[in-house]
Each structure stands twice: as C-alpha cells, then as structure tokens.
C-alpha cells in the first residue's frame, strides 16, 4: 500500500473527513475539517468522494516523503509547495514519484490547508469516521496530530488515475488578517442585554491565543448579560456563539462540545464556517447579523461555486 512518510509533522496536522455525525445525542462531537469547502475541493481535484479523509495542515505544514508513486492535491490556505526542490501549484492534481519529498513552505494567507491523496487516507474508522478529535484522543492516528515517523497510508490502487482539471483557486475569499462573519441571532439572545447585543454587532474582536479547534475565545469589549443566571445546558452546534460570565464571546468550532450552559447569543451561518475556520490567533473577527433567507442564499452560492 502506498503512503506518505512524515519527516517533519508541522505545527498541527490531523487526519479529517467530513465528521462523525449521528452521535451528538450521546455527547460525541462531530469533529471534521475546520474549512469544509477546502477539504471537499481537495478531494474533488482527485475525483475522490467528498467524505474521503484528508490531512488538515495548520499554520506550519509538514515535510513528507512518498512511499510509492502518489497522486495528491492541496486546497485551502495559500502555501508555497515543493516537490523535492521544485515549486508546484496548489489547486491541481500532482503526481509524486516514489522517494520524492513533498514539502509545505511559507504560508501566505489563511490558516488551514487540506492535503488529499487519491482514494483518501486509510486511517482507522471510529463510529463511522476517520476524523481526529483531539480533546478525546479518538479517531485519525491514535487521536493525535502527526509526529515524525508516522506513515499516512493511501487507499489508492496502483491502477489509480486522476481527472484532468483546470487549476482551481479557493472557493471562498481567504482571510488576510481577519474576516467579517455572518450570524443569525439566537436562540438565547434574550439573555443578553440590548446594549450587549449592540456591542456584539459593532465590535471588532481579536481571536485570542487561547483558541483551538474546539473554539475561538475572542478578546474585546464585554457583551453585557441581562441576568447573571445561566440557562440549563442544551445543544451547541458548530458555530454557536456563547457568552460566558466574562462577556468575552466564545465561538464553538469543529471539535466543540455537544452541549453547553452559557447563553447562546448567535450562530455562525453554515456558509461562513469555512471562513471562520481559516482564522488564526491574532486575527480579527467582526459579526454581521443576517436572516435565514440570506443564510440559505449564501450557502447555495457557495455550493454552486464549489461544484462549478
């Protein structure tokens, strides 16, 4: 079986597919890619199904060696890429000879890129998914990020071929220092004071250093609550904006818990979750309130761009 040997693992590189759905009522988070559009695009470039497992690369990418001839593609955050010493483009299928090195160089925009191989990566499945959930140390490669010496096995067969496609750029506009994110208010905006909601709508927050795949802790003016009482814990989908007692918003991301008791002021719309997933500590985040109709239009436009 062909694979990629990990020479240098990068900052945080994890195996992800589209996530572990259907177990949230049991407290099992979905996990999956922070930028689902880039994950799907990398797979599309190779003719893979969208649920095939990719490698999510965060901020600093890995250095890998091909064990057998490999077909790969990279989408998402803009990185300089190299096969041995030759620069190669993102957004196209690439063929790597056995023994050749594949390296991520300088990151230019965005935070996370997705490396796909023909057939997807062959990590063990847990509850029907190969996604790594770091807090519980389950899924992927022993529930952890890559380390030097790992081998990422491919499900590609020796006869595998890749489609001929034109170069594809990112489906979404990659953040360059920050992004304006659309949200729908609710379901518990009544637990926030009117002046607190206005603060939320007009503030430029900063993604703090205490942020990860589980959630972004934002720094900025506090969102005032209407009461100090906390609601009972209930469901918290990805993109939920919680307001703890400090008033500093928390945006739940891919590895976020399935329930929570902080007031839920808003939820990031599905079309903007990939944009949020391309932010990193130090980037800014602003919020724009929209309605359900606008959220659906944005999602339809994104799907049309992805499948064009």
Protein backbone atom coordinates (compact mmCIF):
# COMPACT_ATOMS: atom_id res chain seq x y z
CA UNK A 1 0.00 0.00 0.00
CA UNK A 2 1.29 3.44 -0.93
CA UNK A 3 1.74 6.21 1.59
CA UNK A 4 3.47 9.38 2.75
CA UNK A 5 6.14 9.14 5.44
CA UNK A 6 6.21 12.05 7.88
CA UNK A 7 9.67 13.61 8.13
CA UNK A 8 8.52 16.79 9.88
CA UNK A 9 4.93 16.92 11.17
CA UNK A 10 4.26 20.66 11.00
CA UNK A 11 2.54 22.61 13.75
CA UNK A 12 -0.77 20.71 13.94
CA UNK A 13 -1.54 18.23 11.18
CA UNK A 14 -4.52 15.91 11.69
CA UNK A 15 -6.47 13.41 9.60
CA UNK A 16 -10.03 14.65 8.97
CA UNK A 17 -13.02 13.55 6.92
CA UNK A 18 -16.47 15.20 6.91
CA UNK A 19 -17.02 14.31 10.55
CA UNK A 20 -18.70 11.93 12.95
CA UNK A 21 -22.42 12.55 12.53
CA UNK A 22 -25.31 10.93 14.36
CA UNK A 23 -23.84 10.62 17.86
CA UNK A 24 -24.24 14.15 19.23
CA UNK A 25 -27.09 12.97 21.48
CA UNK A 26 -24.52 10.71 23.15
CA UNK A 27 -22.05 13.57 23.67
CA UNK A 28 -19.78 12.68 20.73
CA UNK A 29 -18.63 15.80 18.82
CA UNK A 30 -18.67 15.87 15.02
CA UNK A 31 -15.01 16.96 14.55
CA UNK A 32 -14.08 17.08 10.83
CA UNK A 33 -12.38 19.88 8.89
CA UNK A 34 -12.38 23.48 10.06
CA UNK A 35 -12.82 24.51 6.39
CA UNK A 36 -15.19 22.00 4.79
CA UNK A 37 -15.06 23.78 1.43
CA UNK A 38 -11.29 23.39 1.11
CA UNK A 39 -11.48 19.76 2.26
CA UNK A 40 -14.10 18.99 -0.38
CA UNK A 41 -12.24 20.89 -3.10
CA UNK A 42 -9.01 18.96 -2.46
CA UNK A 43 -10.96 15.72 -2.86
CA UNK A 44 -12.79 16.92 -5.97
CA UNK A 45 -9.47 17.67 -7.67
CA UNK A 46 -8.58 13.97 -7.42
CA UNK A 47 -12.00 12.55 -8.18
CA UNK A 48 -12.45 11.39 -4.58
CA UNK A 49 -15.80 11.35 -2.79
CA UNK A 50 -16.16 14.42 -0.58
CA UNK A 51 -16.08 12.29 2.58
CA UNK A 52 -12.61 10.86 1.83
CA UNK A 53 -10.10 11.59 4.58
CA UNK A 54 -7.60 14.42 4.03
CA UNK A 55 -4.78 15.89 6.10
CA UNK A 56 -5.64 19.22 7.73
CA UNK A 57 -2.49 21.35 7.90
CA UNK A 58 -2.44 24.26 10.37
CA UNK A 59 -0.19 27.33 10.05
CA UNK A 60 3.08 25.40 9.54
CA UNK A 61 2.92 22.48 7.14
CA UNK A 62 4.68 19.12 7.16
CA UNK A 63 7.53 17.65 5.14
CA UNK A 64 6.69 14.24 3.67
CA UNK A 65 8.30 11.52 1.55
CA UNK A 66 6.33 9.43 -0.93
CA UNK A 67 6.47 5.68 -0.43
CA UNK A 68 5.35 4.72 -3.92
CA UNK A 69 4.04 6.91 -6.71
CA UNK A 70 1.35 9.18 -5.27
CA UNK A 71 -1.37 11.47 -6.61
CA UNK A 72 -2.06 14.44 -4.33
CA UNK A 73 -3.79 17.83 -4.30
CA UNK A 74 -3.81 20.76 -1.85
CA UNK A 75 -6.57 23.34 -1.33
CA UNK A 76 -7.35 25.95 1.31
CA UNK A 77 -4.87 28.34 2.89
CA UNK A 78 -2.20 29.55 0.46
CA UNK A 79 1.16 27.85 0.99
CA UNK A 80 4.28 27.59 -1.13
CA UNK A 81 4.55 23.91 -2.11
CA UNK A 82 7.56 21.94 -3.27
CA UNK A 83 8.21 18.51 -4.74
CA UNK A 84 11.87 17.99 -3.93
CA UNK A 85 13.26 21.46 -4.77
CA UNK A 86 10.75 22.36 -7.49
CA UNK A 87 7.85 24.70 -6.72
CA UNK A 88 4.43 23.24 -7.58
CA UNK A 89 0.97 24.87 -7.59
CA UNK A 90 -1.99 24.43 -5.29
CA UNK A 91 -5.40 23.64 -6.74
CA UNK A 92 -4.31 20.98 -9.27
CA UNK A 93 -3.66 17.23 -9.12
CA UNK A 94 0.03 16.46 -8.65
CA UNK A 95 1.97 13.25 -9.25
CA UNK A 96 4.85 12.49 -6.87
CA UNK A 97 7.41 9.83 -7.72
CA UNK A 98 8.42 7.19 -5.18
CA UNK A 99 11.14 8.56 -2.90
CA UNK A 100 10.39 12.21 -3.70
CA UNK A 101 9.81 14.76 -0.96
CA UNK A 102 6.67 16.88 -0.68
CA UNK A 103 7.06 20.00 1.43
CA UNK A 104 4.89 22.88 2.64
CA UNK A 105 6.81 26.14 2.63
CA UNK A 106 5.77 29.67 3.53
CA UNK A 107 2.14 30.33 4.43
CA UNK A 108 0.73 33.41 2.70
CA UNK A 109 -2.99 33.66 3.55
CA UNK A 110 -5.43 31.67 5.62
CA UNK A 111 -4.67 29.25 8.43
CA UNK A 112 -5.53 25.72 7.22
CA UNK A 113 -4.81 23.77 4.04
CA UNK A 114 -6.02 20.31 3.09
CA UNK A 115 -3.81 17.66 1.53
CA UNK A 116 -5.77 14.97 -0.31
CA UNK A 117 -4.41 11.76 -1.81
CA UNK A 118 -6.09 9.68 -4.50
CA UNK A 119 -8.57 7.40 -2.70
CA UNK A 120 -8.24 9.23 0.63
CA UNK A 121 -6.10 8.40 3.66
CA UNK A 122 -6.62 4.99 5.22
CA UNK A 123 -6.80 5.84 8.93
CA UNK A 124 -8.93 3.56 11.17
CA UNK A 125 -12.62 4.41 11.40
CA UNK A 126 -14.25 5.12 14.75
CA UNK A 127 -18.05 5.45 14.79
CA UNK A 128 -18.02 5.61 11.01
CA UNK A 129 -15.47 8.41 10.65
CA UNK A 130 -11.70 8.79 10.32
CA UNK A 131 -11.73 12.32 11.79
CA UNK A 132 -9.34 13.11 14.61
CA UNK A 133 -10.99 14.53 17.74
CA UNK A 134 -8.08 15.90 19.73
CA UNK A 135 -9.80 16.55 23.11
CA UNK A 136 -10.90 12.91 23.45
CA UNK A 137 -7.84 11.49 21.63
CA UNK A 138 -10.02 9.41 19.33
CA UNK A 139 -10.08 8.91 15.57
CA UNK A 140 -7.38 9.56 12.99
CA UNK A 141 -3.94 8.29 14.01
CA UNK A 142 -4.44 7.34 17.67
CA UNK A 143 -6.46 10.54 18.22
CA UNK A 144 -3.44 12.82 17.88
CA UNK A 145 -1.64 15.12 15.48
CA UNK A 146 1.10 13.74 13.24
CA UNK A 147 4.57 13.04 14.62
CA UNK A 148 7.80 12.32 12.75
CA UNK A 149 7.95 8.72 11.61
CA UNK A 150 4.22 8.30 11.01
CA UNK A 151 3.17 6.86 7.65
CA UNK A 152 -0.08 8.09 6.12
CA UNK A 153 -1.38 5.21 4.04
CA UNK A 154 -3.36 5.90 0.87
CA UNK A 155 -6.37 3.92 -0.35
CA UNK A 156 -5.20 4.44 -3.94
CA UNK A 157 -4.52 1.35 -6.03
CA UNK A 158 -1.61 1.03 -8.39
CA UNK A 159 -4.04 1.47 -11.31
CA UNK A 160 -5.50 4.68 -9.92
CA UNK A 161 -5.76 7.68 -12.25
CA UNK A 162 -6.72 11.28 -11.62
CA UNK A 163 -9.00 13.53 -13.67
CA UNK A 164 -7.61 16.26 -15.88
CA UNK A 165 -8.83 19.56 -14.41
CA UNK A 166 -8.05 23.23 -14.74
CA UNK A 167 -6.37 24.85 -11.78
CA UNK A 168 -8.91 25.74 -9.09
CA UNK A 169 -8.44 28.63 -6.71
CA UNK A 170 -10.09 28.86 -3.27
CA UNK A 171 -13.90 28.69 -3.23
CA UNK A 172 -14.04 31.46 -0.62
CA UNK A 173 -12.06 34.64 -0.10
CA UNK A 174 -9.29 33.70 2.28
CA UNK A 175 -8.96 35.97 5.32
CA UNK A 176 -5.94 38.24 5.34
CA UNK A 177 -5.71 39.37 8.95
CA UNK A 178 -9.39 38.96 9.76
CA UNK A 179 -12.90 38.45 8.45
CA UNK A 180 -16.48 39.67 8.76
CA UNK A 181 -18.62 36.67 9.73
CA UNK A 182 -22.39 36.45 9.25
CA UNK A 183 -24.52 35.12 12.10
CA UNK A 184 -28.16 34.54 12.92
CA UNK A 185 -29.18 35.77 16.37
CA UNK A 186 -30.49 33.19 18.80
CA UNK A 187 -31.61 31.00 20.27
CA UNK A 188 -30.98 32.82 23.59
CA UNK A 189 -30.32 36.43 22.63
CA UNK A 190 -32.97 37.45 25.19
CA UNK A 191 -30.47 36.51 27.91
CA UNK A 192 -28.18 39.29 26.69
CA UNK A 193 -28.88 42.96 27.45
CA UNK A 194 -29.87 45.11 24.44
CA UNK A 195 -26.68 47.14 24.85
CA UNK A 196 -24.73 43.86 24.92
CA UNK A 197 -26.19 42.78 21.59
CA UNK A 198 -25.28 46.18 20.13
CA UNK A 199 -21.71 45.74 21.41
CA UNK A 200 -21.55 42.34 19.74
CA UNK A 201 -22.77 43.76 16.43
CA UNK A 202 -20.36 46.71 16.34
CA UNK A 203 -17.12 45.38 17.85
CA UNK A 204 -14.01 44.17 16.08
CA UNK A 205 -12.88 41.24 18.23
CA UNK A 206 -9.49 39.52 18.17
CA UNK A 207 -9.04 35.74 18.18
CA UNK A 208 -7.06 35.13 21.37
CA UNK A 209 -4.10 32.81 21.88
CA UNK A 210 -6.44 30.59 23.94
CA UNK A 211 -8.15 29.33 20.79
CA UNK A 212 -8.04 25.98 19.04
CA UNK A 213 -10.15 23.54 17.02
CA UNK A 214 -12.58 23.33 19.94
CA UNK A 215 -13.39 27.03 19.94
CA UNK A 216 -12.21 30.61 19.48
CA UNK A 217 -12.05 32.79 22.57
CA UNK A 218 -12.46 36.40 21.46
CA UNK A 219 -10.94 39.48 23.08
CA UNK A 220 -12.76 42.79 23.06
CA UNK A 221 -15.48 44.77 24.86
CA UNK A 222 -17.66 42.56 27.04
CA UNK A 223 -21.17 41.63 25.92
CA UNK A 224 -23.48 42.59 28.80
CA UNK A 225 -25.90 39.91 30.00
CA UNK A 226 -29.45 40.62 31.10
CA UNK A 227 -29.03 38.40 34.16
CA UNK A 228 -26.27 36.52 35.95
CA UNK A 229 -28.37 33.35 35.86
CA UNK A 230 -27.16 30.68 33.43
CA UNK A 231 -29.59 28.54 31.41
CA UNK A 232 -29.67 24.77 31.58
CA UNK A 233 -27.16 23.05 29.30
CA UNK A 234 -28.53 22.17 25.90
CA UNK A 235 -27.35 21.56 22.34
CA UNK A 236 -24.46 23.62 20.94
CA UNK A 237 -23.95 23.14 17.18
CA UNK A 238 -20.74 24.17 15.47
CA UNK A 239 -20.67 27.95 15.11
CA UNK A 240 -22.56 28.65 18.34
CA UNK A 241 -21.52 31.98 19.88
CA UNK A 242 -21.60 31.61 23.67
CA UNK A 243 -21.37 34.46 26.16
CA UNK A 244 -19.78 33.39 29.46
CA UNK A 245 -19.87 35.49 32.62
CA UNK A 246 -16.82 37.47 31.47
CA UNK A 247 -18.79 38.75 28.47
CA UNK A 248 -16.00 37.69 26.08
CA UNK A 249 -17.62 35.67 23.24
CA UNK A 250 -16.63 32.07 22.51
CA UNK A 251 -17.25 30.67 19.01
CA UNK A 252 -17.51 26.87 19.03
CA UNK A 253 -15.62 25.22 16.17
CA UNK A 254 -15.17 21.71 14.74
CA UNK A 255 -14.07 19.96 17.95
CA UNK A 256 -16.57 21.84 20.13
CA UNK A 257 -18.63 20.09 22.79
CA UNK A 258 -22.20 19.00 22.03
CA UNK A 259 -23.87 20.83 24.95
CA UNK A 260 -23.21 23.98 26.94
CA UNK A 261 -24.78 26.17 29.59
CA UNK A 262 -23.55 29.64 28.63
CA UNK A 263 -26.13 31.89 26.93
CA UNK A 264 -26.13 31.30 23.18
CA UNK A 265 -26.34 34.72 21.57
CA UNK A 266 -25.94 33.72 17.91
CA UNK A 267 -24.83 31.03 15.46
CA UNK A 268 -22.40 31.44 12.55
CA UNK A 269 -24.15 30.63 9.28
CA UNK A 270 -23.03 27.44 7.51
CA UNK A 271 -21.56 29.32 4.53
CA UNK A 272 -19.24 31.34 6.79
CA UNK A 273 -17.98 28.49 8.99
CA UNK A 274 -15.19 27.75 6.46
CA UNK A 275 -14.14 31.42 6.55
CA UNK A 276 -14.01 31.32 10.35
CA UNK A 277 -12.02 28.10 10.08
CA UNK A 278 -9.30 29.98 8.19
CA UNK A 279 -8.66 32.41 11.06
CA UNK A 280 -5.77 32.10 13.49
CA UNK A 281 -4.85 33.71 16.84
CA UNK A 282 -4.25 37.43 16.38
CA UNK A 283 -6.73 37.76 13.50
CA UNK A 284 -9.79 39.98 13.93
CA UNK A 285 -13.43 38.93 13.68
CA UNK A 286 -16.50 41.11 13.17
CA UNK A 287 -20.11 39.93 13.12
CA UNK A 288 -22.89 40.80 10.70
CA UNK A 289 -26.42 39.74 11.63
CA UNK A 290 -28.47 38.22 8.80
CA UNK A 291 -31.72 36.28 8.46
CA UNK A 292 -32.38 32.69 7.42
CA UNK A 293 -33.13 33.61 3.80
CA UNK A 294 -29.78 35.36 3.42
CA UNK A 295 -28.02 32.41 5.06
CA UNK A 296 -29.60 30.00 2.57
CA UNK A 297 -28.70 32.20 -0.40
CA UNK A 298 -25.09 32.33 0.75
CA UNK A 299 -24.94 28.55 1.13
CA UNK A 300 -26.47 27.94 -2.31
CA UNK A 301 -23.98 30.35 -3.92
CA UNK A 302 -21.10 28.61 -2.13
CA UNK A 303 -22.24 25.16 -3.30
CA UNK A 304 -22.58 26.41 -6.88
CA UNK A 305 -19.03 27.83 -6.77
CA UNK A 306 -17.65 24.60 -5.30
CA UNK A 307 -19.27 22.35 -7.89
CA UNK A 308 -18.78 24.62 -10.92
